[in-house]
Amino acid sequence: MSGSIICRMRWRALDREGQDTCTLTRLDGGWMLVGHARFHDPAGWATLDYVIRCGQDWTTRSADITGSVGEARVALRVVRTGAAWQVNDVLQPQVAGATDIDLGFTPATNLMPLRRLPQIGRLPCRAAWLRQPTGTVEPLDQVYTRQRGQVVQYQAEQIAFQTQLRVNEHGFVSLYPGLWESQRAP
């Protein structure tokens, strides 16, 4: 699989020890994110690799998450076909209709809705949220609102969370207050 690298990102965790690196590649039929997250979790150190494939419209097609969290091994294959989602070939009806995967351990997955967000405007969307890398996907209703430039208001309904994200010219989060901040990419 060949493509053109668009951007490389590196983030430092602000709420724990950890970092994440990610590469965005443009493919013939869409986009691919390849990332490596390393962080300290209550269960111990987590080393997680992820590959996310998106269509040309920036909606998630599939995601692979592998690695470990403490002593637990992680090997997840998430696939969206139309409105249906499967994790390791098991249907996930609770997230039917979601357009994105949201990996709770990385800011990389905010990219997809941010790329669909107009220059000024609002984008409500539902994500298949992997809150914990060893857990199950849950629905997460999100709203992204851009009123000016590189600052986006973000809301997540199910957890009554809101913040202002700072984004870069590629659409990646550069500051997620209290959680992540970007550093010079490798």
C-alpha atoms as a PDB file:
ATOM      1  CA  MET A   1       0.000   0.000   0.000  1.00  0.00           C
ATOM      2  CA  SER A   2       1.608   3.256  -1.081  1.00  0.00           C
ATOM      3  CA  GLY A   3       0.603   6.815  -0.468  1.00  0.00           C
ATOM      4  CA  SER A   4       1.816  10.322   0.259  1.00  0.00           C
ATOM      5  CA  ILE A   5       2.676  11.333   3.807  1.00  0.00           C
ATOM      6  CA  ILE A   6       0.794  14.526   4.644  1.00  0.00           C
ATOM      7  CA  CYS A   7       1.797  15.150   8.242  1.00  0.00           C
ATOM      8  CA  ARG A   8       3.510  13.616  11.253  1.00  0.00           C
ATOM      9  CA  MET A   9       2.400  14.471  14.780  1.00  0.00           C
ATOM     10  CA  ARG A  10       3.801  13.913  18.247  1.00  0.00           C
ATOM     11  CA  TRP A  11       1.889  14.636  21.436  1.00  0.00           C
ATOM     12  CA  ARG A  12       2.899  14.689  25.081  1.00  0.00           C
ATOM     13  CA  ALA A  13       0.322  13.596  27.659  1.00  0.00           C
ATOM     14  CA  LEU A  14      -0.510  16.281  30.234  1.00  0.00           C
ATOM     15  CA  ASP A  15      -2.500  14.094  32.660  1.00  0.00           C
ATOM     16  CA  ARG A  16       0.021  11.225  32.998  1.00  0.00           C
ATOM     17  CA  GLU A  17       3.350  10.028  31.701  1.00  0.00           C
ATOM     18  CA  GLY A  18       3.036   9.296  28.023  1.00  0.00           C
ATOM     19  CA  GLN A  19       3.316  10.230  24.404  1.00  0.00           C
ATOM     20  CA  ASP A  20       1.740   9.441  21.066  1.00  0.00           C
ATOM     21  CA  THR A  21       3.086   9.721  17.535  1.00  0.00           C
ATOM     22  CA  CYS A  22       0.981   9.548  14.398  1.00  0.00           C
ATOM     23  CA  THR A  23       1.466   9.747  10.641  1.00  0.00           C
ATOM     24  CA  LEU A  24      -1.298  10.821   8.247  1.00  0.00           C
ATOM     25  CA  THR A  25      -1.014   9.347   4.750  1.00  0.00           C
ATOM     26  CA  ARG A  26      -3.155  10.071   1.713  1.00  0.00           C
ATOM     27  CA  LEU A  27      -4.093   6.911  -0.210  1.00  0.00           C
ATOM     28  CA  ASP A  28      -5.805   6.464  -3.574  1.00  0.00           C
ATOM     29  CA  GLY A  29      -9.151   5.698  -1.920  1.00  0.00           C
ATOM     30  CA  GLY A  30      -8.899   7.855   1.201  1.00  0.00           C
ATOM     31  CA  TRP A  31      -6.695   8.349   4.253  1.00  0.00           C
ATOM     32  CA  MET A  32      -4.740   6.316   6.771  1.00  0.00           C
ATOM     33  CA  LEU A  33      -3.518   7.161  10.287  1.00  0.00           C
ATOM     34  CA  VAL A  34      -0.733   5.051  11.773  1.00  0.00           C
ATOM     35  CA  GLY A  35       0.105   5.738  15.405  1.00  0.00           C
ATOM     36  CA  HIS A  36       2.041   4.541  18.414  1.00  0.00           C
ATOM     37  CA  ALA A  37       0.791   5.467  21.900  1.00  0.00           C
ATOM     38  CA  ARG A  38       2.866   4.833  25.024  1.00  0.00           C
ATOM     39  CA  PHE A  39       1.504   5.895  28.403  1.00  0.00           C
ATOM     40  CA  HIS A  40       1.168   4.941  32.036  1.00  0.00           C
ATOM     41  CA  ASP A  41      -2.291   3.659  32.875  1.00  0.00           C
ATOM     42  CA  PRO A  42      -3.682   2.543  36.265  1.00  0.00           C
ATOM     43  CA  ALA A  43      -3.139  -1.038  35.001  1.00  0.00           C
ATOM     44  CA  GLY A  44       0.537  -0.291  34.207  1.00  0.00           C
ATOM     45  CA  TRP A  45       2.330   0.799  31.069  1.00  0.00           C
ATOM     46  CA  ALA A  46       0.366   0.719  27.829  1.00  0.00           C
ATOM     47  CA  THR A  47       2.015   0.242  24.458  1.00  0.00           C
ATOM     48  CA  LEU A  48      -0.595   0.516  21.729  1.00  0.00           C
ATOM     49  CA  ASP A  49      -0.275   0.730  17.971  1.00  0.00           C
ATOM     50  CA  TYR A  50      -3.186   1.769  15.796  1.00  0.00           C
ATOM     51  CA  VAL A  51      -4.016   1.931  12.103  1.00  0.00           C
ATOM     52  CA  ILE A  52      -7.167   3.762  11.041  1.00  0.00           C
ATOM     53  CA  ARG A  53      -8.471   3.775   7.476  1.00  0.00           C
ATOM     54  CA  CYS A  54     -10.891   6.471   6.312  1.00  0.00           C
ATOM     55  CA  GLY A  55     -12.727   7.097   3.096  1.00  0.00           C
ATOM     56  CA  GLN A  56     -12.206  10.214   1.009  1.00  0.00           C
ATOM     57  CA  ASP A  57     -15.039  11.784   3.037  1.00  0.00           C
ATOM     58  CA  TRP A  58     -13.052  11.326   6.307  1.00  0.00           C
ATOM     59  CA  THR A  59     -15.444   8.746   7.784  1.00  0.00           C
ATOM     60  CA  THR A  60     -13.904   5.686   9.412  1.00  0.00           C
ATOM     61  CA  ARG A  61     -13.837   2.442   7.481  1.00  0.00           C
ATOM     62  CA  SER A  62     -11.735   0.348   9.867  1.00  0.00           C
ATOM     63  CA  ALA A  63      -9.289   0.441  12.754  1.00  0.00           C
ATOM     64  CA  ASP A  64      -6.762  -2.029  14.114  1.00  0.00           C
ATOM     65  CA  ILE A  65      -5.482  -1.617  17.664  1.00  0.00           C
ATOM     66  CA  THR A  66      -2.735  -3.901  18.977  1.00  0.00           C
ATOM     67  CA  GLY A  67      -0.360  -4.000  21.912  1.00  0.00           C
ATOM     68  CA  SER A  68      -0.755  -4.277  25.653  1.00  0.00           C
ATOM     69  CA  VAL A  69      -2.073  -2.466  28.706  1.00  0.00           C
ATOM     70  CA  GLY A  70      -0.245  -3.716  31.766  1.00  0.00           C
ATOM     71  CA  GLU A  71      -0.395  -7.504  31.462  1.00  0.00           C
ATOM     72  CA  ALA A  72      -3.461  -7.506  29.174  1.00  0.00           C
ATOM     73  CA  ARG A  73      -2.935  -8.066  25.448  1.00  0.00           C
ATOM     74  CA  VAL A  74      -4.930  -5.943  23.019  1.00  0.00           C
ATOM     75  CA  ALA A  75      -5.841  -7.119  19.502  1.00  0.00           C
ATOM     76  CA  LEU A  76      -8.920  -5.388  18.096  1.00  0.00           C
ATOM     77  CA  ARG A  77     -10.156  -5.193  14.524  1.00  0.00           C
ATOM     78  CA  VAL A  78     -12.964  -2.637  14.197  1.00  0.00           C
ATOM     79  CA  VAL A  79     -14.861  -2.469  10.893  1.00  0.00           C
ATOM     80  CA  ARG A  80     -17.692  -0.191   9.751  1.00  0.00           C
ATOM     81  CA  THR A  81     -19.883  -1.397   6.900  1.00  0.00           C
ATOM     82  CA  GLY A  82     -22.592   1.140   6.135  1.00  0.00           C
ATOM     83  CA  ALA A  83     -24.197   1.921   9.506  1.00  0.00           C
ATOM     84  CA  ALA A  84     -23.055  -1.342  11.160  1.00  0.00           C
ATOM     85  CA  TRP A  85     -19.919  -1.764  13.283  1.00  0.00           C
ATOM     86  CA  GLN A  86     -18.109  -4.948  14.251  1.00  0.00           C
ATOM     87  CA  VAL A  87     -15.300  -5.556  16.732  1.00  0.00           C
ATOM     88  CA  ASN A  88     -13.386  -8.775  16.075  1.00  0.00           C
ATOM     89  CA  ASP A  89     -16.293  -9.974  13.886  1.00  0.00           C
ATOM     90  CA  VAL A  90     -18.926  -9.339  16.604  1.00  0.00           C
ATOM     91  CA  LEU A  91     -21.722  -6.916  15.685  1.00  0.00           C
ATOM     92  CA  GLN A  92     -21.887  -3.780  17.915  1.00  0.00           C
ATOM     93  CA  PRO A  93     -25.514  -2.558  17.641  1.00  0.00           C
ATOM     94  CA  GLN A  94     -25.015   0.079  20.361  1.00  0.00           C
ATOM     95  CA  VAL A  95     -22.893   2.163  17.941  1.00  0.00           C
ATOM     96  CA  ALA A  96     -24.954   1.653  14.771  1.00  0.00           C
ATOM     97  CA  GLY A  97     -24.906   4.804  12.677  1.00  0.00           C
ATOM     98  CA  ALA A  98     -21.642   6.165  14.079  1.00  0.00           C
ATOM     99  CA  THR A  99     -19.368   7.737  11.465  1.00  0.00           C
ATOM    100  CA  ASP A 100     -16.070   7.712  13.367  1.00  0.00           C
ATOM    101  CA  ILE A 101     -13.919   5.659  15.687  1.00  0.00           C
ATOM    102  CA  ASP A 102     -12.773   7.542  18.786  1.00  0.00           C
ATOM    103  CA  LEU A 103      -9.818   5.938  20.535  1.00  0.00           C
ATOM    104  CA  GLY A 104      -9.921   7.360  24.054  1.00  0.00           C
ATOM    105  CA  PHE A 105      -6.160   7.050  24.469  1.00  0.00           C
ATOM    106  CA  THR A 106      -5.121   9.378  21.618  1.00  0.00           C
ATOM    107  CA  PRO A 107      -6.044  12.815  20.245  1.00  0.00           C
ATOM    108  CA  ALA A 108      -5.402  11.509  16.703  1.00  0.00           C
ATOM    109  CA  THR A 109      -8.988  10.357  16.183  1.00  0.00           C
ATOM    110  CA  ASN A 110     -10.399  13.868  16.575  1.00  0.00           C
ATOM    111  CA  LEU A 111      -8.899  14.445  13.108  1.00  0.00           C
ATOM    112  CA  MET A 112     -11.740  12.831  11.148  1.00  0.00           C
ATOM    113  CA  PRO A 113     -14.601  15.068  12.362  1.00  0.00           C
ATOM    114  CA  LEU A 114     -12.272  18.091  12.407  1.00  0.00           C
ATOM    115  CA  ARG A 115     -11.539  17.525   8.705  1.00  0.00           C
ATOM    116  CA  ARG A 116     -15.294  17.482   7.964  1.00  0.00           C
ATOM    117  CA  LEU A 117     -15.949  20.615  10.057  1.00  0.00           C
ATOM    118  CA  PRO A 118     -16.609  23.750   7.979  1.00  0.00           C
ATOM    119  CA  GLN A 119     -14.364  26.820   8.358  1.00  0.00           C
ATOM    120  CA  ILE A 120     -17.132  28.422  10.395  1.00  0.00           C
ATOM    121  CA  GLY A 121     -19.934  26.243  11.656  1.00  0.00           C
ATOM    122  CA  ARG A 122     -21.042  23.246  13.673  1.00  0.00           C
ATOM    123  CA  LEU A 123     -20.701  19.486  13.158  1.00  0.00           C
ATOM    124  CA  PRO A 124     -22.666  17.028  15.310  1.00  0.00           C
ATOM    125  CA  CYS A 125     -21.494  13.432  14.941  1.00  0.00           C
ATOM    126  CA  ARG A 126     -21.565  10.072  16.690  1.00  0.00           C
ATOM    127  CA  ALA A 127     -18.433   8.043  17.335  1.00  0.00           C
ATOM    128  CA  ALA A 128     -17.842   4.424  18.209  1.00  0.00           C
ATOM    129  CA  TRP A 129     -15.841   5.245  21.334  1.00  0.00           C
ATOM    130  CA  LEU A 130     -13.224   2.870  22.673  1.00  0.00           C
ATOM    131  CA  ARG A 131     -13.010   4.520  26.100  1.00  0.00           C
ATOM    132  CA  GLN A 132     -10.590   1.916  27.476  1.00  0.00           C
ATOM    133  CA  PRO A 133      -8.253   0.004  25.140  1.00  0.00           C
ATOM    134  CA  THR A 134      -9.316  -3.301  26.695  1.00  0.00           C
ATOM    135  CA  GLY A 135     -13.023  -2.422  26.801  1.00  0.00           C
ATOM    136  CA  THR A 136     -15.899  -2.329  24.355  1.00  0.00           C
ATOM    137  CA  VAL A 137     -17.076   0.420  22.016  1.00  0.00           C
ATOM    138  CA  GLU A 138     -19.750   2.789  23.289  1.00  0.00           C
ATOM    139  CA  PRO A 139     -21.688   5.549  21.515  1.00  0.00           C
ATOM    140  CA  LEU A 140     -20.285   9.043  22.011  1.00  0.00           C
ATOM    141  CA  ASP A 141     -22.290  11.936  20.624  1.00  0.00           C
ATOM    142  CA  GLN A 142     -19.973  14.835  19.877  1.00  0.00           C
ATOM    143  CA  VAL A 143     -20.354  18.391  18.642  1.00  0.00           C
ATOM    144  CA  TYR A 144     -17.505  20.360  17.083  1.00  0.00           C
ATOM    145  CA  THR A 145     -18.076  24.115  16.601  1.00  0.00           C
ATOM    146  CA  ARG A 146     -15.628  26.454  14.906  1.00  0.00           C
ATOM    147  CA  GLN A 147     -16.259  30.154  15.372  1.00  0.00           C
ATOM    148  CA  ARG A 148     -12.831  31.441  14.423  1.00  0.00           C
ATOM    149  CA  GLY A 149      -9.547  30.177  12.998  1.00  0.00           C
ATOM    150  CA  GLN A 150      -7.799  27.324  14.738  1.00  0.00           C
ATOM    151  CA  VAL A 151      -9.954  27.141  17.901  1.00  0.00           C
ATOM    152  CA  VAL A 152     -12.803  24.615  18.033  1.00  0.00           C
ATOM    153  CA  GLN A 153     -15.356  24.173  20.820  1.00  0.00           C
ATOM    154  CA  TYR A 154     -15.758  20.451  21.568  1.00  0.00           C
ATOM    155  CA  GLN A 155     -18.590  18.744  23.473  1.00  0.00           C
ATOM    156  CA  ALA A 156     -19.111  15.082  24.327  1.00  0.00           C
ATOM    157  CA  GLU A 157     -22.691  14.485  25.422  1.00  0.00           C
ATOM    158  CA  GLN A 158     -22.562  11.154  27.290  1.00  0.00           C
ATOM    159  CA  ILE A 159     -19.837  12.343  29.654  1.00  0.00           C
ATOM    160  CA  ALA A 160     -20.989  16.005  29.879  1.00  0.00           C
ATOM    161  CA  PHE A 161     -17.541  17.170  28.778  1.00  0.00           C
ATOM    162  CA  GLN A 162     -16.586  20.314  26.904  1.00  0.00           C
ATOM    163  CA  THR A 163     -13.383  22.154  26.103  1.00  0.00           C
ATOM    164  CA  GLN A 164     -11.742  24.300  23.468  1.00  0.00           C
ATOM    165  CA  LEU A 165      -9.364  22.478  21.158  1.00  0.00           C
ATOM    166  CA  ARG A 166      -6.594  24.210  19.285  1.00  0.00           C
ATOM    167  CA  VAL A 167      -6.008  22.629  15.860  1.00  0.00           C
ATOM    168  CA  ASN A 168      -3.201  22.906  13.325  1.00  0.00           C
ATOM    169  CA  GLU A 169      -3.383  23.534   9.580  1.00  0.00           C
ATOM    170  CA  HIS A 170      -3.816  19.788   8.879  1.00  0.00           C
ATOM    171  CA  GLY A 171      -6.778  19.455  11.265  1.00  0.00           C
ATOM    172  CA  PHE A 172      -4.925  17.653  14.065  1.00  0.00           C
ATOM    173  CA  VAL A 173      -5.426  18.731  17.667  1.00  0.00           C
ATOM    174  CA  SER A 174      -2.375  20.699  18.793  1.00  0.00           C
ATOM    175  CA  LEU A 175      -3.696  21.432  22.293  1.00  0.00           C
ATOM    176  CA  TYR A 176      -6.291  19.391  24.169  1.00  0.00           C
ATOM    177  CA  PRO A 177      -6.325  21.268  27.492  1.00  0.00           C
ATOM    178  CA  GLY A 178      -5.308  19.114  30.434  1.00  0.00           C
ATOM    179  CA  LEU A 179      -4.818  16.011  28.268  1.00  0.00           C
ATOM    180  CA  TRP A 180      -2.480  16.469  25.281  1.00  0.00           C
ATOM    181  CA  GLU A 181      -0.193  19.005  23.660  1.00  0.00           C
ATOM    182  CA  SER A 182       1.700  18.642  20.407  1.00  0.00           C
ATOM    183  CA  GLN A 183       5.460  18.686  20.212  1.00  0.00           C
ATOM    184  CA  ARG A 184       7.774  18.965  17.247  1.00  0.00           C
ATOM    185  CA  ALA A 185       7.176  15.864  15.134  1.00  0.00           C
ATOM    186  CA  PRO A 186      10.072  13.406  14.567  1.00  0.00           C
END
